[in-house]
Amino acid sequence: ALTALLQSELAPALSDGALALDADVVAAHSADTALFCPAEGAVALVRARSTEDVQATLRFAHAHHVPVVPQGARTGISGGANAVPGCILLNLAGMDRILEVDAAEQTATVQPGVINQALKDHLREHDLAYPPDPGSVAISSIGGNVATNAGGLCCVKYGVTRDYVRQLKVVLADGSLATLGPRTAKGVAGLDLRGLFIGSEGTLGVVVEVTLRLVPQLAPPLTAVATFPSEAVAAGVVAESMATGARPSMVEMLDGATLGMLNDYGDFGLDAGADAMLLVQSDGSRDPASAQREVEEFSRIAEGAGALDVGFTDDPADSEAMVATRRLAQPAYEKYAMAHGGGQLLDDICLPRARMAEFFERLAEVRAESGATVAVVAHAGDGNLHPAVFFDAGDPTEVARAERAFEQLM
């Protein structure tokens, strides 16, 4: 009966070809990249091409009490895009136009399917930048970034998605269109409904247009790299360095397990004898002398703490290569997981920077007690850690052991 209604009522209200009912097509769009998350039972897929497609879908669903799961690029790792029984999958990846760049107001208005990196590339010709840069910058969409309030490698200085959203246009559950927030630089009247929607993961409505605040094109950074004999020492260096009032544009940490997986993934020649590496950048807020001072101060603190090696570069190619390597941590994790039974449990932990060293000390106990392989990559300047537990997903004993270790980490 629902299939007949979809064909007779919804399909005529949509763009040509937007509605898909083929079981294989629907199944192929029913999940993101998460493991162990249900993703079955979708009855239809709508590939929206316009706000009107979104409105028609939600009006139909509202009238017939059908659940809707909004989706973007489906690059998430927590099941947020996964099907639920009886649902319509509403995919917005095709709404991928950059509608306007206002250089005078330093804003960009985009559809939700625009890929983050594509926007960054487009803005260079305007000498403007959009700072939020999740590790998935090359594959995740602006709509998904808004839905999850994504952060990224530069958020230690430049903040997260919420800090750059001026205005949202959202379609509510009944198909009505709402505009939330002003396009102006200042707008403090009334309740912050715009902020309520950022990070709501499609539970309150479907984002169909975003106006973003931009900044002048970021200056090329200086990049420092330091390796350490232990994760706790590296974490202590981060806390000490940030406590000086430093404003680095990036402070990333990779533990020894991650370094090994990256070397296996791409033969990057990272120090296999190190238990941790810090990747630090400073753009000096367009002041090269300030950037130099910050990098030198970080190097001094790292050396004083017993770093194995410290160095820095002002070569943009070297900097880009190091950051590109850091961004490959998750693909390296996936390769390792598939070679060891396919199991990976990954999550976010946010701590006060001064407590990170304690976390790594306790992580050593979890590793020793469980025998599990645990790797950690982190936006360390924010105290934001991404621990990943690896295991053989086909071995119930290993699954149970990994779940216990994961719960201890949480």
Protein backbone atom coordinates (compact mmCIF):
# COMPACT_ATOMS: atom_id res chain seq x y z
CA ALA A 1 0.00 0.00 0.00
CA LEU A 2 2.81 2.42 0.86
CA THR A 3 4.58 1.64 -2.40
CA ALA A 4 1.43 2.48 -4.32
CA LEU A 5 1.09 5.78 -2.45
CA LEU A 6 4.73 6.63 -3.11
CA GLN A 7 4.19 6.09 -6.82
CA SER A 8 0.84 7.84 -7.07
CA GLU A 9 1.31 10.76 -4.66
CA LEU A 10 5.00 11.41 -4.01
CA ALA A 11 6.64 10.66 -7.35
CA PRO A 12 4.59 13.26 -9.30
CA ALA A 13 5.55 15.93 -6.75
CA LEU A 14 9.30 15.28 -7.14
CA SER A 15 11.90 16.05 -9.77
CA ASP A 16 12.04 13.45 -12.54
CA GLY A 17 13.83 10.32 -11.35
CA ALA A 18 14.19 11.52 -7.75
CA LEU A 19 12.23 8.59 -6.29
CA ALA A 20 13.90 5.17 -6.23
CA LEU A 21 12.04 2.04 -5.12
CA ASP A 22 14.41 -0.64 -6.42
CA ALA A 23 15.41 -2.75 -3.42
CA ASP A 24 19.09 -2.92 -4.39
CA VAL A 25 19.34 0.84 -4.90
CA VAL A 26 17.61 1.54 -1.60
CA ALA A 27 19.82 -0.96 0.23
CA ALA A 28 22.96 0.61 -1.26
CA HIS A 29 21.98 3.94 0.32
CA SER A 30 20.83 2.57 3.67
CA ALA A 31 23.99 3.02 5.76
CA ASP A 32 26.97 5.18 6.50
CA THR A 33 30.37 3.69 7.39
CA ALA A 34 29.55 2.63 10.97
CA LEU A 35 29.93 -0.95 12.13
CA PHE A 36 27.38 -2.85 14.22
CA CYS A 37 24.53 -0.39 13.51
CA PRO A 38 21.13 -1.55 12.21
CA ALA A 39 20.44 -0.28 8.68
CA GLU A 40 17.51 -2.25 7.33
CA GLY A 41 13.90 -1.71 6.35
CA ALA A 42 13.91 1.41 4.14
CA VAL A 43 11.08 1.38 1.62
CA ALA A 44 12.23 4.17 -0.69
CA LEU A 45 15.03 6.58 -1.54
CA VAL A 46 14.49 10.20 -2.57
CA ARG A 47 17.48 11.84 -4.23
CA ALA A 48 16.50 15.46 -3.65
CA ARG A 49 17.52 18.01 -6.27
CA SER A 50 15.75 21.02 -4.76
CA THR A 51 14.15 22.46 -1.66
CA GLU A 52 10.80 21.62 -3.24
CA ASP A 53 11.79 17.93 -3.38
CA VAL A 54 12.56 18.01 0.33
CA GLN A 55 9.29 19.76 1.13
CA ALA A 56 7.25 17.30 -0.95
CA THR A 57 8.92 14.34 0.74
CA LEU A 58 8.26 15.61 4.24
CA ARG A 59 4.68 16.61 3.45
CA PHE A 60 4.02 13.10 2.18
CA ALA A 61 5.74 11.48 5.15
CA HIS A 62 3.89 13.73 7.59
CA ALA A 63 0.53 12.93 6.04
CA HIS A 64 1.12 9.17 6.05
CA HIS A 65 3.12 8.86 9.30
CA VAL A 66 6.25 7.58 7.54
CA PRO A 67 9.67 8.08 9.17
CA VAL A 68 12.31 9.96 7.18
CA VAL A 69 16.09 9.61 7.52
CA PRO A 70 17.97 12.62 6.08
CA GLN A 71 21.35 11.85 4.53
CA GLY A 72 24.27 13.71 3.02
CA ALA A 73 27.48 12.13 1.76
CA ARG A 74 27.04 9.19 4.19
CA THR A 75 30.64 9.48 5.41
CA GLY A 76 29.68 9.40 9.10
CA ILE A 77 30.85 6.62 11.39
CA SER A 78 28.02 6.53 13.92
CA GLY A 79 25.00 5.29 11.95
CA GLY A 80 23.29 8.67 11.72
CA ALA A 81 22.37 8.11 8.05
CA ASN A 82 21.21 4.52 8.57
CA ALA A 83 17.78 3.29 7.61
CA VAL A 84 15.08 2.43 10.14
CA PRO A 85 12.19 0.06 9.35
CA GLY A 86 9.58 1.57 7.05
CA CYS A 87 11.48 4.79 6.37
CA ILE A 88 12.10 6.98 3.37
CA LEU A 89 15.78 7.79 2.88
CA LEU A 90 16.07 11.48 1.94
CA ASN A 91 19.47 12.01 0.35
CA LEU A 92 20.64 15.60 -0.26
CA ALA A 93 24.02 14.87 -1.85
CA GLY A 94 22.71 16.12 -5.20
CA MET A 95 21.92 19.57 -3.80
CA ASP A 96 25.53 20.61 -4.27
CA ARG A 97 25.57 24.14 -5.67
CA ILE A 98 27.50 27.11 -4.29
CA LEU A 99 24.77 29.71 -4.64
CA GLU A 100 26.62 32.93 -3.78
CA VAL A 101 29.90 34.28 -2.48
CA ASP A 102 29.58 37.79 -1.06
CA ALA A 103 33.13 39.11 -0.80
CA ALA A 104 32.03 42.38 0.79
CA GLU A 105 30.12 40.65 3.61
CA GLN A 106 32.55 37.70 3.66
CA THR A 107 29.79 35.09 3.41
CA ALA A 108 29.01 32.12 1.21
CA THR A 109 25.57 30.62 0.67
CA VAL A 110 25.57 26.96 -0.30
CA GLN A 111 23.32 23.97 -0.66
CA PRO A 112 23.87 21.16 1.86
CA GLY A 113 25.50 18.71 -0.56
CA VAL A 114 28.52 20.93 -1.25
CA ILE A 115 31.69 19.11 -0.22
CA ASN A 116 33.74 21.01 2.32
CA GLN A 117 36.97 20.88 0.28
CA ALA A 118 35.14 21.98 -2.88
CA LEU A 119 33.98 25.10 -1.05
CA LYS A 120 37.50 25.79 0.20
CA ASP A 121 38.88 25.45 -3.32
CA HIS A 122 36.20 27.75 -4.74
CA LEU A 123 36.87 30.44 -2.13
CA ARG A 124 40.58 30.75 -2.99
CA GLU A 125 39.77 32.81 -6.08
CA HIS A 126 38.01 35.28 -3.77
CA ASP A 127 40.94 35.32 -1.29
CA LEU A 128 38.58 33.98 1.37
CA ALA A 129 38.56 30.87 3.54
CA TYR A 130 36.13 28.64 5.39
CA PRO A 131 38.19 27.34 8.34
CA PRO A 132 36.31 24.25 9.70
CA ASP A 133 38.21 21.24 8.36
CA PRO A 134 37.15 17.81 9.64
CA GLY A 135 39.43 14.90 8.84
CA SER A 136 36.86 13.98 6.19
CA VAL A 137 37.15 17.42 4.56
CA ALA A 138 37.55 15.95 1.08
CA ILE A 139 34.45 13.74 1.28
CA SER A 140 32.02 15.21 3.83
CA SER A 141 29.31 17.73 2.97
CA ILE A 142 28.52 21.10 4.49
CA GLY A 143 25.05 19.85 5.41
CA GLY A 144 26.57 16.93 7.27
CA ASN A 145 29.08 19.25 8.93
CA VAL A 146 26.20 21.42 10.14
CA ALA A 147 24.21 18.38 11.27
CA THR A 148 27.11 17.14 13.41
CA ASN A 149 28.65 20.53 14.30
CA ALA A 150 31.90 19.21 12.85
CA GLY A 151 35.24 20.48 14.09
CA GLY A 152 38.55 19.43 12.60
CA LEU A 153 42.26 19.98 12.55
CA CYS A 154 42.15 23.80 12.76
CA CYS A 155 39.40 24.13 15.36
CA VAL A 156 41.95 24.72 18.15
CA LYS A 157 42.28 28.28 16.81
CA TYR A 158 39.42 28.81 14.40
CA GLY A 159 36.55 27.00 16.08
CA VAL A 160 33.92 24.55 14.84
CA THR A 161 31.05 24.69 12.36
CA ARG A 162 28.71 26.46 14.78
CA ASP A 163 31.06 29.45 14.83
CA TYR A 164 30.64 30.00 11.07
CA VAL A 165 26.92 29.47 10.42
CA ARG A 166 25.08 32.76 9.87
CA GLN A 167 21.76 31.53 8.58
CA LEU A 168 19.99 28.24 7.91
CA LYS A 169 17.03 27.41 5.74
CA VAL A 170 15.42 24.22 7.01
CA VAL A 171 12.40 22.18 6.05
CA LEU A 172 10.42 21.13 9.11
CA ALA A 173 8.59 17.84 9.61
CA ASP A 174 5.36 19.09 8.04
CA GLY A 175 7.15 20.35 4.92
CA SER A 176 7.15 24.02 5.86
CA LEU A 177 10.26 26.08 5.15
CA ALA A 178 11.85 28.09 7.98
CA THR A 179 14.67 30.63 7.90
CA LEU A 180 16.73 30.70 11.09
CA GLY A 181 19.28 33.36 11.98
CA PRO A 182 20.29 36.59 10.25
CA ARG A 183 22.68 36.96 7.34
CA THR A 184 24.14 40.03 9.05
CA ALA A 185 27.30 40.05 11.13
CA LYS A 186 25.31 40.81 14.27
CA GLY A 187 21.93 39.38 15.19
CA VAL A 188 21.08 38.90 18.84
CA ALA A 189 17.28 39.18 18.94
CA GLY A 190 15.16 36.26 20.11
CA LEU A 191 15.92 32.62 20.74
CA ASP A 192 18.90 31.01 19.03
CA LEU A 193 16.93 28.50 16.97
CA ARG A 194 19.77 28.41 14.43
CA GLY A 195 22.10 27.13 17.15
CA LEU A 196 19.52 24.54 18.19
CA PHE A 197 19.58 23.00 14.70
CA ILE A 198 23.39 22.92 14.42
CA GLY A 199 24.45 19.53 15.70
CA SER A 200 20.89 18.14 15.79
CA GLU A 201 21.72 15.46 13.16
CA GLY A 202 18.49 15.78 11.19
CA THR A 203 16.19 15.20 14.15
CA LEU A 204 14.53 18.65 14.06
CA GLY A 205 14.40 19.35 10.35
CA VAL A 206 16.32 19.11 7.09
CA VAL A 207 18.88 21.79 6.21
CA VAL A 208 18.46 22.89 2.58
CA GLU A 209 20.59 26.07 2.50
CA VAL A 210 23.42 27.45 4.64
CA THR A 211 24.92 30.92 4.76
CA LEU A 212 28.43 30.73 6.19
CA ARG A 213 30.72 33.32 7.67
CA LEU A 214 34.11 33.44 5.97
CA VAL A 215 37.51 34.85 6.88
CA PRO A 216 40.37 36.26 4.79
CA GLN A 217 42.50 33.56 3.18
CA LEU A 218 44.65 31.97 5.87
CA ALA A 219 48.38 32.61 5.81
CA PRO A 220 50.74 29.72 4.98
CA PRO A 221 51.73 28.19 8.32
CA LEU A 222 55.00 27.11 9.83
CA THR A 223 54.87 23.42 10.73
CA ALA A 224 56.67 21.72 13.59
CA VAL A 225 56.93 17.97 14.15
CA ALA A 226 58.11 16.33 17.35
CA THR A 227 58.31 12.67 18.33
CA PHE A 228 58.22 11.33 21.87
CA PRO A 229 59.05 8.21 23.89
CA SER A 230 55.53 8.05 25.35
CA GLU A 231 52.03 9.29 24.69
CA ALA A 232 51.75 10.80 28.16
CA VAL A 233 54.88 12.92 27.61
CA ALA A 234 53.50 14.23 24.31
CA ALA A 235 50.17 15.03 25.95
CA GLY A 236 51.98 16.89 28.71
CA VAL A 237 53.81 18.98 26.13
CA VAL A 238 50.49 19.97 24.56
CA ALA A 239 49.09 21.07 27.92
CA GLU A 240 52.22 23.03 28.82
CA SER A 241 52.47 24.69 25.43
CA MET A 242 48.81 25.75 25.34
CA ALA A 243 49.07 27.07 28.91
CA THR A 244 51.57 29.68 27.70
CA GLY A 245 48.77 31.41 25.77
CA ALA A 246 49.95 30.12 22.41
CA ARG A 247 47.47 30.31 19.51
CA PRO A 248 48.57 27.55 17.15
CA SER A 249 46.33 26.87 14.18
CA MET A 250 46.80 23.12 14.56
CA VAL A 251 47.91 20.70 17.29
CA GLU A 252 47.48 17.09 16.20
CA MET A 253 48.72 13.98 17.99
CA LEU A 254 49.29 10.49 16.61
CA ASP A 255 50.23 7.61 18.88
CA GLY A 256 52.73 4.89 18.03
CA ALA A 257 50.07 2.45 16.83
CA THR A 258 48.75 5.07 14.42
CA LEU A 259 52.24 5.83 13.12
CA GLY A 260 52.73 2.13 12.40
CA MET A 261 49.39 1.83 10.60
CA LEU A 262 50.13 4.91 8.50
CA ASN A 263 53.53 3.53 7.49
CA ASP A 264 51.82 0.30 6.46
CA TYR A 265 49.17 2.24 4.55
CA GLY A 266 51.43 4.53 2.58
CA ASP A 267 55.10 3.93 3.47
CA PHE A 268 55.39 7.48 4.79
CA GLY A 269 58.62 6.89 6.67
CA LEU A 270 57.26 8.04 10.03
CA ASP A 271 59.39 7.24 13.07
CA ALA A 272 58.47 3.65 13.89
CA GLY A 273 60.39 3.85 17.16
CA ALA A 274 58.32 6.71 18.57
CA ASP A 275 55.32 6.17 20.84
CA ALA A 276 53.78 9.51 19.83
CA MET A 277 54.12 12.36 17.38
CA LEU A 278 52.84 15.93 17.57
CA LEU A 279 52.10 17.94 14.44
CA VAL A 280 51.86 21.66 15.24
CA GLN A 281 51.19 24.57 12.92
CA SER A 282 51.14 28.31 13.48
CA ASP A 283 50.03 30.92 10.97
CA GLY A 284 50.78 33.77 13.37
CA SER A 285 47.50 35.44 12.39
CA ARG A 286 49.29 36.65 9.23
CA ASP A 287 52.36 37.74 11.21
CA PRO A 288 55.36 35.55 10.23
CA ALA A 289 57.35 36.70 13.28
CA SER A 290 54.57 35.55 15.63
CA ALA A 291 54.39 32.21 13.87
CA GLN A 292 58.15 31.80 14.22
CA ARG A 293 58.00 32.56 17.94
CA GLU A 294 55.19 30.08 18.55
CA VAL A 295 56.93 27.28 16.70
CA GLU A 296 60.21 27.97 18.49
CA GLU A 297 58.49 28.03 21.89
CA PHE A 298 56.78 24.71 21.15
CA SER A 299 60.13 23.23 20.11
CA ARG A 300 61.75 24.45 23.33
CA ILE A 301 59.02 22.87 25.47
CA ALA A 302 59.17 19.61 23.52
CA GLU A 303 62.94 19.36 23.82
CA GLY A 304 62.77 20.14 27.53
CA ALA A 305 60.29 17.30 28.02
CA GLY A 306 62.60 14.77 26.37
CA ALA A 307 61.38 14.68 22.79
CA LEU A 308 63.17 12.18 20.58
CA ASP A 309 63.30 14.59 17.67
CA VAL A 310 62.02 18.09 16.89
CA GLY A 311 62.03 19.99 13.61
CA PHE A 312 60.04 22.58 11.70
CA THR A 313 59.60 23.83 8.16
CA ASP A 314 58.23 26.86 6.34
CA ASP A 315 57.94 24.96 3.05
CA PRO A 316 54.21 24.84 2.11
CA ALA A 317 54.71 21.57 0.25
CA ASP A 318 56.19 19.90 3.34
CA SER A 319 53.39 21.26 5.50
CA GLU A 320 50.70 20.05 3.13
CA ALA A 321 52.31 16.62 2.93
CA MET A 322 52.36 16.24 6.71
CA VAL A 323 48.74 17.34 7.07
CA ALA A 324 47.69 15.05 4.22
CA THR A 325 49.37 12.16 6.03
CA ARG A 326 47.50 13.02 9.22
CA ARG A 327 44.20 13.02 7.32
CA LEU A 328 44.88 9.46 6.18
CA ALA A 329 44.73 8.07 9.72
CA GLN A 330 41.17 6.76 9.33
CA PRO A 331 41.82 5.07 5.96
CA ALA A 332 44.92 3.50 7.55
CA TYR A 333 42.75 2.31 10.44
CA GLU A 334 40.28 0.80 7.99
CA LYS A 335 43.04 -1.06 6.14
CA TYR A 336 44.40 -2.44 9.43
CA ALA A 337 40.91 -3.42 10.60
CA MET A 338 40.10 -5.29 7.39
CA ALA A 339 43.38 -7.20 7.66
CA HIS A 340 42.60 -8.20 11.26
CA GLY A 341 39.01 -9.35 11.17
CA GLY A 342 37.19 -6.15 10.23
CA GLY A 343 36.36 -4.86 13.71
CA GLN A 344 36.88 -1.23 14.71
CA LEU A 345 35.21 0.75 17.49
CA LEU A 346 35.99 4.46 17.19
CA ASP A 347 34.70 7.42 19.14
CA ASP A 348 35.31 10.95 20.39
CA ILE A 349 36.51 11.76 23.88
CA CYS A 350 36.93 15.37 25.00
CA LEU A 351 39.04 16.13 28.06
CA PRO A 352 40.65 19.13 29.72
CA ARG A 353 44.09 19.35 28.11
CA ALA A 354 45.73 18.97 31.52
CA ARG A 355 44.07 15.54 31.93
CA MET A 356 45.21 14.03 28.63
CA ALA A 357 48.43 12.62 30.10
CA GLU A 358 46.38 10.81 32.73
CA PHE A 359 44.18 9.35 30.01
CA PHE A 360 47.18 7.86 28.24
CA GLU A 361 48.55 6.44 31.47
CA ARG A 362 45.22 4.70 32.07
CA LEU A 363 45.04 3.64 28.44
CA ALA A 364 48.26 1.70 28.98
CA GLU A 365 46.51 -0.21 31.75
CA VAL A 366 43.53 -0.99 29.51
CA ARG A 367 45.84 -2.26 26.77
CA ALA A 368 47.75 -4.45 29.20
CA GLU A 369 44.61 -5.83 30.85
CA SER A 370 42.61 -6.49 27.68
CA GLY A 371 45.34 -7.33 25.19
CA ALA A 372 43.38 -5.26 22.67
CA THR A 373 45.00 -3.18 19.94
CA VAL A 374 44.11 0.45 20.57
CA ALA A 375 45.25 3.37 18.42
CA VAL A 376 44.65 7.06 19.13
CA VAL A 377 44.71 10.11 16.91
CA ALA A 378 43.74 13.44 18.43
CA HIS A 379 42.96 17.09 17.93
CA ALA A 380 45.16 17.46 20.97
CA GLY A 381 45.02 21.24 21.18
CA ASP A 382 41.33 20.88 22.06
CA GLY A 383 41.75 17.79 24.24
CA ASN A 384 39.72 15.89 21.62
CA LEU A 385 40.87 12.26 21.34
CA HIS A 386 39.78 9.59 18.85
CA PRO A 387 40.57 6.17 20.33
CA ALA A 388 39.99 3.15 18.09
CA VAL A 389 39.84 -0.46 19.30
CA PHE A 390 40.57 -3.15 16.70
CA PHE A 391 39.43 -6.77 16.80
CA ASP A 392 38.25 -9.78 14.82
CA ALA A 393 34.53 -9.12 14.30
CA GLY A 394 33.95 -12.83 13.64
CA ASP A 395 35.36 -13.98 16.98
CA PRO A 396 32.83 -13.54 19.83
CA THR A 397 35.61 -13.63 22.42
CA GLU A 398 37.52 -10.83 20.71
CA VAL A 399 34.33 -8.81 20.21
CA ALA A 400 33.51 -9.05 23.92
CA ARG A 401 37.07 -8.15 24.89
CA ALA A 402 37.09 -5.16 22.56
CA GLU A 403 33.73 -3.93 23.84
CA ARG A 404 34.96 -4.13 27.43
CA ALA A 405 38.11 -2.18 26.54
CA PHE A 406 36.04 0.40 24.67
CA GLU A 407 33.70 0.87 27.62
CA GLN A 408 36.70 1.38 29.92
CA LEU A 409 38.05 4.07 27.58
CA MET A 410 34.71 5.83 27.47
